[in-house]
Amino acid sequence: MARCTRTTNLEVHHKNRAGGNSLGNAQVLCHKCHSMTSSFGATGASPPDFSETTKYLTLSNAGN
């Protein structure tokens, strides 16, 4: 599968729904790729939102 090259409409995704809100559990995906993950829209409790700091750092580390 080719790597996504989108640079807009980016979201910070929980790699593991039960993994907490640490920087290590955050991944940058475009909305389309995020919606294709197995956990997107899954039933059950959603993980809490990432803090604005974690979102900022995750996006910065990804070059955005």
PDB file of N, CA and C in Angstrom:
ATOM      1  N   MET A   1       0.847  -1.184   0.000  1.00  0.00           N
ATOM      2  CA  MET A   1       0.000   0.000   0.000  1.00  0.00           C
ATOM      3  C   MET A   1       0.888   1.241   0.000  1.00  0.00           C
ATOM      4  N   ALA A   2       0.573   2.177  -0.849  1.00  0.00           N
ATOM      5  CA  ALA A   2       1.341   3.420  -0.937  1.00  0.00           C
ATOM      6  C   ALA A   2       1.072   4.293   0.282  1.00  0.00           C
ATOM      7  N   ARG A   3       2.067   5.047   0.667  1.00  0.00           N
ATOM      8  CA  ARG A   3       1.918   5.948   1.799  1.00  0.00           C
ATOM      9  C   ARG A   3       1.094   7.169   1.372  1.00  0.00           C
ATOM     10  N   CYS A   4       0.189   7.574   2.225  1.00  0.00           N
ATOM     11  CA  CYS A   4      -0.644   8.743   1.968  1.00  0.00           C
ATOM     12  C   CYS A   4       0.233   9.990   1.963  1.00  0.00           C
ATOM     13  N   THR A   5      -0.031  10.893   1.042  1.00  0.00           N
ATOM     14  CA  THR A   5       0.753  12.123   0.951  1.00  0.00           C
ATOM     15  C   THR A   5      -0.078  13.377   1.215  1.00  0.00           C
ATOM     16  N   ARG A   6      -1.288  13.196   1.723  1.00  0.00           N
ATOM     17  CA  ARG A   6      -2.140  14.365   1.998  1.00  0.00           C
ATOM     18  C   ARG A   6      -1.518  15.226   3.105  1.00  0.00           C
ATOM     19  N   THR A   7      -1.672  16.517   2.955  1.00  0.00           N
ATOM     20  CA  THR A   7      -1.127  17.448   3.946  1.00  0.00           C
ATOM     21  C   THR A   7      -2.201  18.355   4.530  1.00  0.00           C
ATOM     22  N   THR A   8      -3.451  18.091   4.187  1.00  0.00           N
ATOM     23  CA  THR A   8      -4.561  18.866   4.730  1.00  0.00           C
ATOM     24  C   THR A   8      -5.575  17.912   5.336  1.00  0.00           C
ATOM     25  N   ASN A   9      -6.466  18.458   6.150  1.00  0.00           N
ATOM     26  CA  ASN A   9      -7.513  17.667   6.783  1.00  0.00           C
ATOM     27  C   ASN A   9      -6.907  16.543   7.633  1.00  0.00           C
ATOM     28  N   LEU A  10      -5.825  16.876   8.362  1.00  0.00           N
ATOM     29  CA  LEU A  10      -5.123  15.890   9.173  1.00  0.00           C
ATOM     30  C   LEU A  10      -5.740  15.776  10.561  1.00  0.00           C
ATOM     31  N   GLU A  11      -5.685  14.568  11.102  1.00  0.00           N
ATOM     32  CA  GLU A  11      -6.244  14.273  12.414  1.00  0.00           C
ATOM     33  C   GLU A  11      -5.215  13.484  13.216  1.00  0.00           C
ATOM     34  N   VAL A  12      -5.316  13.565  14.536  1.00  0.00           N
ATOM     35  CA  VAL A  12      -4.437  12.796  15.411  1.00  0.00           C
ATOM     36  C   VAL A  12      -5.234  11.581  15.886  1.00  0.00           C
ATOM     37  N   HIS A  13      -4.731  10.413  15.559  1.00  0.00           N
ATOM     38  CA  HIS A  13      -5.395   9.127  15.782  1.00  0.00           C
ATOM     39  C   HIS A  13      -4.768   8.394  16.958  1.00  0.00           C
ATOM     40  N   HIS A  14      -5.580   7.735  17.781  1.00  0.00           N
ATOM     41  CA  HIS A  14      -5.082   6.859  18.843  1.00  0.00           C
ATOM     42  C   HIS A  14      -4.654   5.545  18.194  1.00  0.00           C
ATOM     43  N   LYS A  15      -3.377   5.197  18.272  1.00  0.00           N
ATOM     44  CA  LYS A  15      -2.909   3.920  17.733  1.00  0.00           C
ATOM     45  C   LYS A  15      -3.613   2.764  18.435  1.00  0.00           C
ATOM     46  N   ASN A  16      -3.798   2.901  19.738  1.00  0.00           N
ATOM     47  CA  ASN A  16      -4.445   1.882  20.557  1.00  0.00           C
ATOM     48  C   ASN A  16      -5.526   2.588  21.372  1.00  0.00           C
ATOM     49  N   ARG A  17      -6.777   2.213  21.191  1.00  0.00           N
ATOM     50  CA  ARG A  17      -7.889   2.893  21.893  1.00  0.00           C
ATOM     51  C   ARG A  17      -7.711   2.888  23.399  1.00  0.00           C
ATOM     52  N   ALA A  18      -7.104   1.850  23.943  1.00  0.00           N
ATOM     53  CA  ALA A  18      -6.916   1.747  25.394  1.00  0.00           C
ATOM     54  C   ALA A  18      -5.523   2.201  25.812  1.00  0.00           C
ATOM     55  N   GLY A  19      -4.785   2.800  24.894  1.00  0.00           N
ATOM     56  CA  GLY A  19      -3.389   3.150  25.150  1.00  0.00           C
ATOM     57  C   GLY A  19      -3.148   4.503  25.773  1.00  0.00           C
ATOM     58  N   GLY A  20      -4.203   5.233  26.087  1.00  0.00           N
ATOM     59  CA  GLY A  20      -4.034   6.532  26.717  1.00  0.00           C
ATOM     60  C   GLY A  20      -3.798   7.648  25.723  1.00  0.00           C
ATOM     61  N   ASN A  21      -3.491   8.811  26.245  1.00  0.00           N
ATOM     62  CA  ASN A  21      -3.341  10.016  25.433  1.00  0.00           C
ATOM     63  C   ASN A  21      -1.911  10.525  25.361  1.00  0.00           C
ATOM     64  N   SER A  22      -0.961   9.611  25.487  1.00  0.00           N
ATOM     65  CA  SER A  22       0.440  10.018  25.423  1.00  0.00           C
ATOM     66  C   SER A  22       0.867  10.256  23.976  1.00  0.00           C
ATOM     67  N   LEU A  23       1.961  10.947  23.831  1.00  0.00           N
ATOM     68  CA  LEU A  23       2.518  11.224  22.510  1.00  0.00           C
ATOM     69  C   LEU A  23       2.844   9.925  21.770  1.00  0.00           C
ATOM     70  N   GLY A  24       3.259   8.901  22.511  1.00  0.00           N
ATOM     71  CA  GLY A  24       3.596   7.619  21.899  1.00  0.00           C
ATOM     72  C   GLY A  24       2.405   6.861  21.336  1.00  0.00           C
ATOM     73  N   ASN A  25       1.199   7.249  21.714  1.00  0.00           N
ATOM     74  CA  ASN A  25      -0.010   6.592  21.228  1.00  0.00           C
ATOM     75  C   ASN A  25      -0.714   7.434  20.162  1.00  0.00           C
ATOM     76  N   ALA A  26      -0.051   8.473  19.700  1.00  0.00           N
ATOM     77  CA  ALA A  26      -0.647   9.389  18.728  1.00  0.00           C
ATOM     78  C   ALA A  26      -0.035   9.179  17.347  1.00  0.00           C
ATOM     79  N   GLN A  27      -0.885   9.265  16.338  1.00  0.00           N
ATOM     80  CA  GLN A  27      -0.446   9.092  14.955  1.00  0.00           C
ATOM     81  C   GLN A  27      -1.211  10.075  14.087  1.00  0.00           C
ATOM     82  N   VAL A  28      -0.534  10.708  13.145  1.00  0.00           N
ATOM     83  CA  VAL A  28      -1.175  11.661  12.235  1.00  0.00           C
ATOM     84  C   VAL A  28      -1.693  10.910  11.011  1.00  0.00           C
ATOM     85  N   LEU A  29      -2.975  11.102  10.737  1.00  0.00           N
ATOM     86  CA  LEU A  29      -3.603  10.527   9.550  1.00  0.00           C
ATOM     87  C   LEU A  29      -4.513  11.570   8.927  1.00  0.00           C
ATOM     88  N   CYS A  30      -4.677  11.506   7.614  1.00  0.00           N
ATOM     89  CA  CYS A  30      -5.691  12.354   6.996  1.00  0.00           C
ATOM     90  C   CYS A  30      -7.051  11.761   7.364  1.00  0.00           C
ATOM     91  N   HIS A  31      -8.100  12.523   7.176  1.00  0.00           N
ATOM     92  CA  HIS A  31      -9.427  12.033   7.567  1.00  0.00           C
ATOM     93  C   HIS A  31      -9.779  10.732   6.836  1.00  0.00           C
ATOM     94  N   LYS A  32      -9.463  10.656   5.556  1.00  0.00           N
ATOM     95  CA  LYS A  32      -9.805   9.458   4.785  1.00  0.00           C
ATOM     96  C   LYS A  32      -9.090   8.225   5.342  1.00  0.00           C
ATOM     97  N   CYS A  33      -7.793   8.339   5.612  1.00  0.00           N
ATOM     98  CA  CYS A  33      -7.045   7.204   6.169  1.00  0.00           C
ATOM     99  C   CYS A  33      -7.533   6.876   7.585  1.00  0.00           C
ATOM    100  N   HIS A  34      -7.834   7.914   8.369  1.00  0.00           N
ATOM    101  CA  HIS A  34      -8.339   7.711   9.725  1.00  0.00           C
ATOM    102  C   HIS A  34      -9.655   6.925   9.677  1.00  0.00           C
ATOM    103  N   SER A  35     -10.538   7.296   8.761  1.00  0.00           N
ATOM    104  CA  SER A  35     -11.835   6.627   8.679  1.00  0.00           C
ATOM    105  C   SER A  35     -11.715   5.177   8.223  1.00  0.00           C
ATOM    106  N   MET A  36     -10.592   4.794   7.650  1.00  0.00           N
ATOM    107  CA  MET A  36     -10.387   3.416   7.205  1.00  0.00           C
ATOM    108  C   MET A  36      -9.725   2.536   8.268  1.00  0.00           C
ATOM    109  N   THR A  37      -9.373   3.100   9.444  1.00  0.00           N
ATOM    110  CA  THR A  37      -8.804   2.275  10.505  1.00  0.00           C
ATOM    111  C   THR A  37      -9.885   1.390  11.100  1.00  0.00           C
ATOM    112  N   SER A  38      -9.473   0.274  11.657  1.00  0.00           N
ATOM    113  CA  SER A  38     -10.443  -0.686  12.185  1.00  0.00           C
ATOM    114  C   SER A  38     -11.209  -0.145  13.391  1.00  0.00           C
ATOM    115  N   SER A  39     -10.642   0.823  14.087  1.00  0.00           N
ATOM    116  CA  SER A  39     -11.297   1.326  15.292  1.00  0.00           C
ATOM    117  C   SER A  39     -12.161   2.561  15.045  1.00  0.00           C
ATOM    118  N   PHE A  40     -12.083   3.158  13.884  1.00  0.00           N
ATOM    119  CA  PHE A  40     -12.845   4.375  13.605  1.00  0.00           C
ATOM    120  C   PHE A  40     -14.335   4.064  13.615  1.00  0.00           C
ATOM    121  N   GLY A  41     -15.070   4.774  14.449  1.00  0.00           N
ATOM    122  CA  GLY A  41     -16.511   4.584  14.521  1.00  0.00           C
ATOM    123  C   GLY A  41     -16.942   3.300  15.201  1.00  0.00           C
ATOM    124  N   ALA A  42     -15.988   2.595  15.816  1.00  0.00           N
ATOM    125  CA  ALA A  42     -16.320   1.339  16.487  1.00  0.00           C
ATOM    126  C   ALA A  42     -17.232   1.607  17.674  1.00  0.00           C
ATOM    127  N   THR A  43     -18.053   0.620  17.991  1.00  0.00           N
ATOM    128  CA  THR A  43     -18.934   0.764  19.137  1.00  0.00           C
ATOM    129  C   THR A  43     -18.116   0.709  20.418  1.00  0.00           C
ATOM    130  N   GLY A  44     -18.688   1.205  21.452  1.00  0.00           N
ATOM    131  CA  GLY A  44     -17.991   1.239  22.736  1.00  0.00           C
ATOM    132  C   GLY A  44     -17.479   2.633  23.027  1.00  0.00           C
ATOM    133  N   ALA A  45     -16.870   2.747  24.166  1.00  0.00           N
ATOM    134  CA  ALA A  45     -16.375   4.048  24.609  1.00  0.00           C
ATOM    135  C   ALA A  45     -15.222   4.513  23.731  1.00  0.00           C
ATOM    136  N   SER A  46     -15.295   5.751  23.305  1.00  0.00           N
ATOM    137  CA  SER A  46     -14.197   6.353  22.558  1.00  0.00           C
ATOM    138  C   SER A  46     -13.148   6.832  23.546  1.00  0.00           C
ATOM    139  N   PRO A  47     -11.884   6.801  23.148  1.00  0.00           N
ATOM    140  CA  PRO A  47     -10.860   7.332  24.049  1.00  0.00           C
ATOM    141  C   PRO A  47     -11.030   8.838  24.191  1.00  0.00           C
ATOM    142  N   PRO A  48     -10.567   9.393  25.318  1.00  0.00           N
ATOM    143  CA  PRO A  48     -10.661  10.847  25.478  1.00  0.00           C
ATOM    144  C   PRO A  48      -9.834  11.565  24.411  1.00  0.00           C
ATOM    145  N   ASP A  49     -10.238  12.768  24.085  1.00  0.00           N
ATOM    146  CA  ASP A  49      -9.486  13.556  23.102  1.00  0.00           C
ATOM    147  C   ASP A  49      -8.066  13.810  23.602  1.00  0.00           C
ATOM    148  N   PHE A  50      -7.140  13.922  22.643  1.00  0.00           N
ATOM    149  CA  PHE A  50      -5.778  14.318  22.981  1.00  0.00           C
ATOM    150  C   PHE A  50      -5.787  15.780  23.418  1.00  0.00           C
ATOM    151  N   SER A  51      -4.849  16.143  24.272  1.00  0.00           N
ATOM    152  CA  SER A  51      -4.711  17.544  24.657  1.00  0.00           C
ATOM    153  C   SER A  51      -4.229  18.340  23.439  1.00  0.00           C
ATOM    154  N   GLU A  52      -4.458  19.633  23.464  1.00  0.00           N
ATOM    155  CA  GLU A  52      -3.988  20.486  22.362  1.00  0.00           C
ATOM    156  C   GLU A  52      -2.466  20.407  22.235  1.00  0.00           C
ATOM    157  N   THR A  53      -1.760  20.274  23.357  1.00  0.00           N
ATOM    158  CA  THR A  53      -0.296  20.165  23.330  1.00  0.00           C
ATOM    159  C   THR A  53       0.128  18.891  22.614  1.00  0.00           C
ATOM    160  N   THR A  54      -0.514  17.770  22.931  1.00  0.00           N
ATOM    161  CA  THR A  54      -0.173  16.506  22.278  1.00  0.00           C
ATOM    162  C   THR A  54      -0.484  16.568  20.793  1.00  0.00           C
ATOM    163  N   LYS A  55      -1.625  17.150  20.428  1.00  0.00           N
ATOM    164  CA  LYS A  55      -1.963  17.307  19.013  1.00  0.00           C
ATOM    165  C   LYS A  55      -0.897  18.141  18.296  1.00  0.00           C
ATOM    166  N   TYR A  56      -0.531  19.254  18.904  1.00  0.00           N
ATOM    167  CA  TYR A  56       0.464  20.148  18.309  1.00  0.00           C
ATOM    168  C   TYR A  56       1.800  19.421  18.128  1.00  0.00           C
ATOM    169  N   LEU A  57       2.261  18.739  19.164  1.00  0.00           N
ATOM    170  CA  LEU A  57       3.543  18.042  19.088  1.00  0.00           C
ATOM    171  C   LEU A  57       3.524  16.915  18.082  1.00  0.00           C
ATOM    172  N   THR A  58       2.423  16.179  18.019  1.00  0.00           N
ATOM    173  CA  THR A  58       2.302  15.087  17.054  1.00  0.00           C
ATOM    174  C   THR A  58       2.344  15.617  15.633  1.00  0.00           C
ATOM    175  N   LEU A  59       1.593  16.676  15.357  1.00  0.00           N
ATOM    176  CA  LEU A  59       1.600  17.274  14.024  1.00  0.00           C
ATOM    177  C   LEU A  59       2.965  17.868  13.688  1.00  0.00           C
ATOM    178  N   SER A  60       3.602  18.489  14.675  1.00  0.00           N
ATOM    179  CA  SER A  60       4.935  19.080  14.452  1.00  0.00           C
ATOM    180  C   SER A  60       5.956  17.991  14.135  1.00  0.00           C
ATOM    181  N   ASN A  61       5.908  16.901  14.895  1.00  0.00           N
ATOM    182  CA  ASN A  61       6.850  15.802  14.666  1.00  0.00           C
ATOM    183  C   ASN A  61       6.654  15.160  13.302  1.00  0.00           C
ATOM    184  N   ALA A  62       5.449  15.266  12.760  1.00  0.00           N
ATOM    185  CA  ALA A  62       5.163  14.719  11.439  1.00  0.00           C
ATOM    186  C   ALA A  62       5.505  15.708  10.329  1.00  0.00           C
ATOM    187  N   GLY A  63       5.989  16.879  10.707  1.00  0.00           N
ATOM    188  CA  GLY A  63       6.381  17.870   9.708  1.00  0.00           C
ATOM    189  C   GLY A  63       5.257  18.791   9.285  1.00  0.00           C
ATOM    190  N   ASN A  64       4.219  18.892  10.082  1.00  0.00           N
ATOM    191  CA  ASN A  64       3.082  19.762   9.742  1.00  0.00           C
ATOM    192  C   ASN A  64       2.928  20.858  10.756  1.00  0.00           C
TER     193      ASN A  64
END
